[in-house]
Amino acid sequence: MSKEYTFYDEIKKHDWSEEEASIMNKTDIDVRRALSKDSCTLEDFKALISPVAEKYLREMTIKAEVLTIRRYGRTIQMYAPLYLSNYCSNACVYCGFSCHNNIKRIKLNNEQIIKEIEVLKDWGYRHLLLVSGEHNGLTGADYYNDVVKLLRPHFAQLSLEVQPLSMDEYASLVDSGISYVCVYQETYNEKTYPQYHPKGKKANYRYRLETPDRCGMAGIKKIGIGPLLGLENWRVDSFFAALHLSYIEKRYWRMKTSISLPRLRPHVGEFMPNNPITDKQLIQLISAYRLFDPEVDISLSTRESSAFRDMAMHIGVTSMSAASSTVPGGYVERNEELEQFSINDGRSVSQMVSAIKNNGYEPVWKDWDIWMS
């Protein structure tokens, strides 16, 4: 891939400090100009995530809701994460699965996976997101291919959130039945990235950054990206995620895109967010992404509270999970000792469905854009 032009070449055109100054110096005029447009540029996005834009939050959320309904109707796509393993060879300082944490490790076998999906199918799920710690020796592409082939007859859509793989490995997973891959850069700040990822393959900033390029070349139908909010300045990381989103949509124009906005949650270990984002700022960010990209799927997991997620349906979020477990085997037998992080919205699937309907929306159990393409 080194001879191919990738997003790494694109991001090198931008300096973190200069972009941070540009965002922080946006004015009321910049925000009003962005709000008046039918189509926002990256400079407009900077204005919408700037500090001065906080006083325009009402206007932003109203416009975001209109754009979301126009594209998605009043629907929320439902998915469930299925954790396959918590073995990990990385030492990410913010993650409960870090190889330095003294926790019980488990990798699900076929029998355990079948028991898990019996629960999820009974709850109504038809879209699974397969999640795993990053350990190529124990959970590599061959393992994922076997799991996908096992699950494919039972689900309409299977997605993957695991370690970055090679283009050929992604191509093999497409053949097995994967249509959607999520890979989060965590932070786009190349200078500070090693502080959070001191060991393991994830320490390779460029290889991770170029994963969507490999997915695009391999024929993956949909790619999900996003920063981990709380590591670095959320405004700057969010700008670089928007830059990445724009690059993917231009370079791999047949692919669908999704953005996820996870905030750091409690986990095994002592790391605390360096740059926390408030609820009000997260509302601003969700609205800004919707105004910047009316087509993008915006996902919000059970990391957030029930009250926040109910509100977020109205400003741009289009995909949600419910009754999630971040524990391998956790749908059959919950064990907090094995979890990656603590969830915040603990409602059951039926409670979540009721909440969605009470807010005037309908749950959707398949991503029809992927299913029909």
Protein backbone atom coordinates (compact mmCIF):
# COMPACT_ATOMS: atom_id res chain seq x y z
CA MET A 1 0.00 0.00 0.00
CA SER A 2 3.00 2.30 0.36
CA LYS A 3 2.91 3.06 -3.41
CA GLU A 4 -0.80 3.89 -3.36
CA TYR A 5 -2.05 7.34 -2.39
CA THR A 6 -3.85 6.88 0.92
CA PHE A 7 -5.40 8.97 3.63
CA TYR A 8 -2.00 9.09 5.32
CA ASP A 9 -0.76 11.20 2.40
CA GLU A 10 -3.85 13.38 2.73
CA ILE A 11 -3.58 13.96 6.46
CA LYS A 12 0.09 14.96 6.15
CA LYS A 13 -1.11 18.11 4.39
CA HIS A 14 -2.67 19.27 7.67
CA ASP A 15 -0.94 20.39 10.85
CA TRP A 16 -2.71 19.57 14.13
CA SER A 17 -1.84 22.86 15.85
CA GLU A 18 -2.79 24.97 12.85
CA GLU A 19 -6.17 23.25 12.53
CA GLU A 20 -6.76 23.67 16.25
CA ALA A 21 -6.08 27.41 15.99
CA SER A 22 -8.35 27.65 12.95
CA ILE A 23 -11.23 26.01 14.84
CA MET A 24 -10.77 28.07 17.99
CA ASN A 25 -10.67 31.34 16.00
CA LYS A 26 -13.94 30.85 14.14
CA THR A 27 -16.40 33.73 14.59
CA ASP A 28 -20.16 34.30 14.72
CA ILE A 29 -20.04 35.25 11.06
CA ASP A 30 -18.45 31.89 10.20
CA VAL A 31 -21.14 29.99 12.13
CA ARG A 32 -24.02 31.93 10.61
CA ARG A 33 -22.56 31.41 7.14
CA ALA A 34 -22.34 27.65 7.73
CA LEU A 35 -25.92 27.50 9.01
CA SER A 36 -27.20 29.38 5.95
CA LYS A 37 -25.76 26.87 3.49
CA ASP A 38 -27.41 23.83 1.94
CA SER A 39 -24.02 22.10 1.71
CA CYS A 40 -21.23 22.54 4.26
CA THR A 41 -17.50 22.52 3.57
CA LEU A 42 -14.78 21.40 5.97
CA GLU A 43 -14.25 25.03 6.91
CA ASP A 44 -17.97 25.27 7.72
CA PHE A 45 -17.64 22.13 9.85
CA LYS A 46 -14.83 23.80 11.80
CA ALA A 47 -17.15 26.70 12.51
CA LEU A 48 -19.94 24.39 13.67
CA ILE A 49 -17.68 22.61 16.19
CA SER A 50 -16.00 25.82 17.39
CA PRO A 51 -16.58 27.28 20.87
CA VAL A 52 -18.56 30.20 19.47
CA ALA A 53 -21.06 27.81 17.85
CA GLU A 54 -22.31 26.64 21.25
CA LYS A 55 -24.69 29.61 21.41
CA TYR A 56 -26.24 28.51 18.09
CA LEU A 57 -27.07 25.06 19.39
CA ARG A 58 -30.83 25.40 18.98
CA GLU A 59 -30.52 26.38 15.32
CA MET A 60 -28.07 23.55 14.72
CA THR A 61 -30.24 20.85 16.29
CA ILE A 62 -33.38 21.98 14.45
CA LYS A 63 -31.63 21.87 11.08
CA ALA A 64 -29.96 18.55 11.94
CA GLU A 65 -33.32 16.94 12.73
CA VAL A 66 -34.81 18.13 9.44
CA LEU A 67 -31.88 16.76 7.44
CA THR A 68 -31.94 13.41 9.26
CA ILE A 69 -35.67 12.86 8.71
CA ARG A 70 -35.32 13.86 5.07
CA ARG A 71 -32.68 11.16 4.50
CA TYR A 72 -33.60 8.41 7.00
CA GLY A 73 -37.20 9.10 7.93
CA ARG A 74 -38.12 8.56 11.57
CA THR A 75 -36.14 5.33 11.96
CA ILE A 76 -33.41 3.96 14.21
CA GLN A 77 -31.34 1.04 12.92
CA MET A 78 -30.79 -1.58 15.61
CA TYR A 79 -27.63 -3.62 16.05
CA ALA A 80 -26.02 -5.70 18.77
CA PRO A 81 -22.30 -6.10 19.50
CA LEU A 82 -21.18 -9.70 19.95
CA TYR A 83 -17.85 -9.88 21.78
CA LEU A 84 -15.87 -12.91 20.64
CA SER A 85 -12.68 -12.58 22.69
CA ASN A 86 -10.92 -10.31 25.18
CA TYR A 87 -7.43 -11.58 24.41
CA CYS A 88 -5.34 -8.63 23.23
CA SER A 89 -1.69 -8.07 22.39
CA ASN A 90 -2.00 -4.27 22.58
CA ALA A 91 -1.36 -2.14 25.66
CA CYS A 92 -3.82 0.72 25.04
CA VAL A 93 -3.86 2.76 28.24
CA TYR A 94 -7.61 3.48 28.06
CA CYS A 95 -8.92 -0.05 27.42
CA GLY A 96 -10.00 -2.78 29.80
CA PHE A 97 -8.69 -5.44 27.39
CA SER A 98 -5.11 -4.11 27.53
CA CYS A 99 -2.53 -6.91 27.76
CA HIS A 100 -1.19 -5.23 30.90
CA ASN A 101 -4.48 -5.64 32.77
CA ASN A 102 -4.75 -8.71 34.99
CA ILE A 103 -8.16 -9.99 33.89
CA LYS A 104 -9.59 -13.37 33.01
CA ARG A 105 -9.30 -14.01 29.27
CA ILE A 106 -11.70 -15.94 27.07
CA LYS A 107 -12.18 -16.73 23.39
CA LEU A 108 -15.58 -18.06 22.38
CA ASN A 109 -15.83 -21.39 20.57
CA ASN A 110 -18.62 -22.30 18.17
CA GLU A 111 -20.81 -23.81 20.89
CA GLN A 112 -20.55 -20.67 23.02
CA ILE A 113 -21.24 -18.43 20.02
CA ILE A 114 -24.39 -20.37 19.13
CA LYS A 115 -25.67 -19.93 22.68
CA GLU A 116 -25.04 -16.19 22.46
CA ILE A 117 -26.86 -15.75 19.16
CA GLU A 118 -29.87 -17.73 20.38
CA VAL A 119 -30.40 -14.96 22.93
CA LEU A 120 -29.83 -12.17 20.39
CA LYS A 121 -32.12 -13.71 17.78
CA ASP A 122 -34.83 -14.13 20.40
CA TRP A 123 -34.53 -10.40 21.15
CA GLY A 124 -35.12 -9.63 17.48
CA TYR A 125 -31.65 -8.73 16.25
CA ARG A 126 -30.77 -9.28 12.60
CA HIS A 127 -27.61 -7.16 12.53
CA LEU A 128 -24.57 -8.25 14.54
CA LEU A 129 -21.37 -6.32 15.10
CA LEU A 130 -18.58 -8.82 15.81
CA VAL A 131 -16.07 -7.38 18.27
CA SER A 132 -12.80 -8.76 19.57
CA GLY A 133 -9.59 -7.83 21.31
CA GLU A 134 -6.71 -7.50 18.87
CA HIS A 135 -4.66 -10.69 18.94
CA ASN A 136 -3.60 -11.98 15.53
CA GLY A 137 -2.31 -15.25 16.94
CA LEU A 138 -5.59 -16.25 18.59
CA THR A 139 -8.20 -14.27 16.69
CA GLY A 140 -6.94 -13.71 13.18
CA ALA A 141 -8.70 -13.58 9.83
CA ASP A 142 -9.16 -17.36 9.68
CA TYR A 143 -11.02 -17.32 13.01
CA TYR A 144 -13.27 -14.46 11.86
CA ASN A 145 -14.01 -16.21 8.56
CA ASP A 146 -15.07 -19.33 10.44
CA VAL A 147 -17.31 -17.29 12.77
CA VAL A 148 -18.90 -15.39 9.89
CA LYS A 149 -19.68 -18.62 8.02
CA LEU A 150 -21.25 -19.99 11.21
CA LEU A 151 -23.43 -16.90 11.70
CA ARG A 152 -24.31 -15.96 8.13
CA PRO A 153 -27.42 -18.19 7.89
CA HIS A 154 -28.85 -16.58 11.02
CA PHE A 155 -28.44 -12.83 10.34
CA ALA A 156 -29.16 -10.36 7.56
CA GLN A 157 -26.03 -8.31 8.22
CA LEU A 158 -22.70 -9.05 9.86
CA SER A 159 -20.24 -6.29 10.69
CA LEU A 160 -16.72 -6.38 12.07
CA GLU A 161 -14.93 -4.30 14.71
CA VAL A 162 -11.61 -6.05 15.24
CA GLN A 163 -7.92 -5.41 14.54
CA PRO A 164 -6.94 -3.90 11.16
CA LEU A 165 -6.44 -6.61 8.55
CA SER A 166 -4.78 -6.82 5.15
CA MET A 167 -6.64 -6.08 1.92
CA ASP A 168 -6.64 -9.77 0.99
CA GLU A 169 -8.02 -10.72 4.40
CA TYR A 170 -10.83 -8.20 4.02
CA ALA A 171 -11.58 -9.57 0.56
CA SER A 172 -11.90 -13.07 1.99
CA LEU A 173 -14.27 -11.77 4.66
CA VAL A 174 -16.41 -10.11 1.99
CA ASP A 175 -16.73 -13.53 0.35
CA SER A 176 -17.73 -15.03 3.72
CA GLY A 177 -20.44 -12.44 4.34
CA ILE A 178 -19.01 -9.29 5.96
CA SER A 179 -20.50 -6.10 4.51
CA TYR A 180 -19.49 -3.49 7.09
CA VAL A 181 -16.20 -2.81 8.92
CA CYS A 182 -15.70 -0.39 11.81
CA VAL A 183 -12.19 0.80 12.65
CA TYR A 184 -11.60 3.73 14.95
CA GLN A 185 -8.38 5.70 14.85
CA GLU A 186 -8.96 6.71 18.51
CA THR A 187 -6.94 9.90 17.92
CA TYR A 188 -5.68 11.39 14.67
CA ASN A 189 -2.85 13.19 16.48
CA GLU A 190 0.18 11.26 15.21
CA LYS A 191 2.50 12.98 17.71
CA THR A 192 0.58 11.88 20.83
CA TYR A 193 -0.80 8.60 19.44
CA PRO A 194 2.13 6.55 20.88
CA GLN A 195 1.29 7.74 24.41
CA TYR A 196 -1.99 5.86 24.24
CA HIS A 197 -0.75 2.89 22.19
CA PRO A 198 2.71 2.01 23.54
CA LYS A 199 2.75 -1.68 22.56
CA GLY A 200 1.33 -4.06 20.01
CA LYS A 201 0.37 -3.79 16.36
CA LYS A 202 -2.02 -0.97 17.19
CA ALA A 203 1.05 1.17 17.91
CA ASN A 204 1.48 1.45 14.13
CA TYR A 205 -0.42 4.70 13.52
CA ARG A 206 -0.16 4.60 9.73
CA TYR A 207 -1.27 0.99 9.31
CA ARG A 208 -4.39 1.68 11.35
CA LEU A 209 -5.09 4.94 9.55
CA GLU A 210 -4.95 3.24 6.15
CA THR A 211 -7.43 0.51 7.10
CA PRO A 212 -10.40 2.18 5.36
CA ASP A 213 -8.28 2.35 2.20
CA ARG A 214 -7.69 -1.41 2.37
CA CYS A 215 -11.40 -1.94 3.01
CA GLY A 216 -12.31 0.15 -0.01
CA MET A 217 -9.91 -1.76 -2.24
CA ALA A 218 -11.25 -5.08 -0.92
CA GLY A 219 -14.88 -4.28 -1.75
CA ILE A 220 -16.29 -3.70 1.74
CA LYS A 221 -19.69 -2.05 1.26
CA LYS A 222 -19.68 0.17 4.34
CA ILE A 223 -16.96 1.61 6.58
CA GLY A 224 -17.33 3.10 10.04
CA ILE A 225 -14.76 5.51 11.50
CA GLY A 226 -14.48 7.88 14.45
CA PRO A 227 -12.31 9.26 17.26
CA LEU A 228 -12.42 8.17 20.89
CA LEU A 229 -13.66 11.33 22.55
CA GLY A 230 -11.59 12.21 25.60
CA LEU A 231 -8.06 11.41 24.46
CA GLU A 232 -7.17 14.65 22.68
CA ASN A 233 -8.99 17.92 21.96
CA TRP A 234 -12.34 16.59 20.75
CA ARG A 235 -12.84 19.47 18.32
CA VAL A 236 -9.59 18.78 16.47
CA ASP A 237 -9.99 15.00 16.41
CA SER A 238 -13.54 15.47 15.13
CA PHE A 239 -12.31 17.73 12.33
CA PHE A 240 -9.79 15.11 11.22
CA ALA A 241 -12.52 12.46 11.32
CA ALA A 242 -14.62 14.70 9.06
CA LEU A 243 -11.61 15.08 6.76
CA HIS A 244 -11.28 11.27 6.72
CA LEU A 245 -14.99 10.87 6.03
CA SER A 246 -14.80 13.29 3.11
CA TYR A 247 -11.77 11.48 1.70
CA ILE A 248 -13.46 8.05 1.88
CA GLU A 249 -16.63 9.29 0.20
CA LYS A 250 -14.69 10.84 -2.67
CA ARG A 251 -12.14 8.06 -3.14
CA TYR A 252 -14.44 5.08 -2.58
CA TRP A 253 -17.70 6.62 -3.68
CA ARG A 254 -19.57 3.30 -3.87
CA MET A 255 -19.06 2.69 -0.13
CA LYS A 256 -21.55 3.73 2.53
CA THR A 257 -20.10 5.49 5.57
CA SER A 258 -20.79 5.63 9.29
CA ILE A 259 -19.34 7.66 12.10
CA SER A 260 -19.36 6.70 15.76
CA LEU A 261 -18.82 9.13 18.64
CA PRO A 262 -17.81 7.09 21.70
CA ARG A 263 -16.83 8.83 24.92
CA LEU A 264 -14.41 7.17 27.31
CA ARG A 265 -16.18 5.01 29.91
CA PRO A 266 -14.99 3.40 33.18
CA HIS A 267 -12.83 0.28 32.64
CA VAL A 268 -10.17 -1.84 34.30
CA GLY A 269 -7.14 0.44 34.72
CA GLU A 270 -6.50 3.97 35.92
CA PHE A 271 -6.61 6.11 32.76
CA MET A 272 -8.83 9.19 32.95
CA PRO A 273 -9.92 11.34 29.97
CA ASN A 274 -7.48 14.15 29.21
CA ASN A 275 -10.02 16.22 27.31
CA PRO A 276 -13.58 15.28 28.35
CA ILE A 277 -16.52 16.37 26.22
CA THR A 278 -19.74 17.51 27.93
CA ASP A 279 -23.26 16.46 26.98
CA LYS A 280 -23.90 19.89 25.45
CA GLN A 281 -20.73 19.65 23.37
CA LEU A 282 -21.62 16.15 22.20
CA ILE A 283 -25.01 17.46 21.05
CA GLN A 284 -23.14 20.17 19.16
CA LEU A 285 -20.86 17.59 17.56
CA ILE A 286 -23.66 15.24 16.47
CA SER A 287 -25.52 18.18 14.93
CA ALA A 288 -22.37 19.40 13.17
CA TYR A 289 -21.74 16.01 11.57
CA ARG A 290 -25.32 15.86 10.33
CA LEU A 291 -25.09 19.34 8.81
CA PHE A 292 -21.75 18.45 7.23
CA ASP A 293 -22.91 15.11 5.83
CA PRO A 294 -26.67 14.48 5.55
CA GLU A 295 -26.01 10.96 4.19
CA VAL A 296 -23.69 9.56 6.88
CA ASP A 297 -25.00 7.02 9.39
CA ILE A 298 -24.35 8.29 12.94
CA SER A 299 -24.09 5.61 15.60
CA LEU A 300 -24.47 6.01 19.37
CA SER A 301 -23.87 3.04 21.64
CA THR A 302 -24.91 2.19 25.19
CA ARG A 303 -21.87 4.10 26.45
CA GLU A 304 -24.34 7.01 26.71
CA SER A 305 -27.20 7.38 29.19
CA SER A 306 -30.80 6.52 28.34
CA ALA A 307 -31.87 10.18 28.58
CA PHE A 308 -29.10 11.33 26.27
CA ARG A 309 -29.79 8.62 23.69
CA ASP A 310 -33.51 9.38 23.66
CA MET A 311 -32.69 13.01 22.95
CA ALA A 312 -30.06 12.14 20.33
CA MET A 313 -32.65 10.40 18.14
CA HIS A 314 -34.00 13.84 17.33
CA ILE A 315 -30.75 15.49 16.24
CA GLY A 316 -29.02 13.09 13.90
CA VAL A 317 -28.31 9.67 15.39
CA THR A 318 -29.53 6.85 13.14
CA SER A 319 -28.07 3.64 14.65
CA MET A 320 -28.21 2.32 18.21
CA SER A 321 -27.59 -0.83 20.17
CA ALA A 322 -29.61 -2.00 23.17
CA ALA A 323 -29.03 -4.39 26.09
CA SER A 324 -25.39 -4.55 24.97
CA SER A 325 -22.75 -6.65 26.66
CA THR A 326 -19.04 -5.86 26.33
CA VAL A 327 -18.22 -9.27 27.80
CA PRO A 328 -17.38 -12.32 25.64
CA GLY A 329 -20.22 -14.73 26.41
CA GLY A 330 -22.03 -11.99 28.32
CA TYR A 331 -25.50 -12.48 26.85
CA VAL A 332 -25.70 -15.97 28.35
CA GLU A 333 -23.73 -15.29 31.53
CA ARG A 334 -22.76 -11.78 32.60
CA ASN A 335 -19.31 -11.42 34.13
CA GLU A 336 -18.14 -7.85 34.79
CA GLU A 337 -14.59 -9.11 35.28
CA LEU A 338 -14.37 -9.76 31.53
CA GLU A 339 -15.84 -6.51 30.20
CA GLN A 340 -14.07 -3.97 28.00
CA PHE A 341 -15.87 -0.99 29.56
CA SER A 342 -19.01 -0.30 31.59
CA ILE A 343 -22.19 0.48 29.67
CA ASN A 344 -24.39 3.42 30.67
CA ASP A 345 -27.80 2.66 29.14
CA GLY A 346 -28.90 -0.62 30.69
CA ARG A 347 -32.40 -0.84 29.19
CA SER A 348 -33.62 -4.14 27.76
CA VAL A 349 -34.36 -4.46 24.05
CA SER A 350 -38.10 -4.22 24.65
CA GLN A 351 -37.63 -1.12 26.79
CA MET A 352 -35.48 0.45 24.09
CA VAL A 353 -38.00 -0.37 21.38
CA SER A 354 -40.72 1.27 23.49
CA ALA A 355 -38.55 4.34 24.00
CA ILE A 356 -37.89 4.62 20.26
CA LYS A 357 -41.61 4.39 19.48
CA ASN A 358 -42.54 6.80 22.28
CA ASN A 359 -40.19 9.32 20.68
CA GLY A 360 -42.03 9.02 17.38
CA TYR A 361 -39.53 6.72 15.65
CA GLU A 362 -39.51 3.13 14.44
CA PRO A 363 -36.80 0.52 15.05
CA VAL A 364 -35.31 -1.03 11.90
CA TRP A 365 -33.67 -4.43 12.21
CA LYS A 366 -31.76 -4.42 8.89
CA ASP A 367 -29.59 -1.79 7.23
CA TRP A 368 -31.51 -1.75 3.96
CA ASP A 369 -28.87 0.36 2.21
CA ILE A 370 -26.43 -2.52 2.63
CA TRP A 371 -28.95 -5.32 2.26
CA MET A 372 -30.26 -4.10 -1.09
CA SER A 373 -26.96 -2.93 -2.66
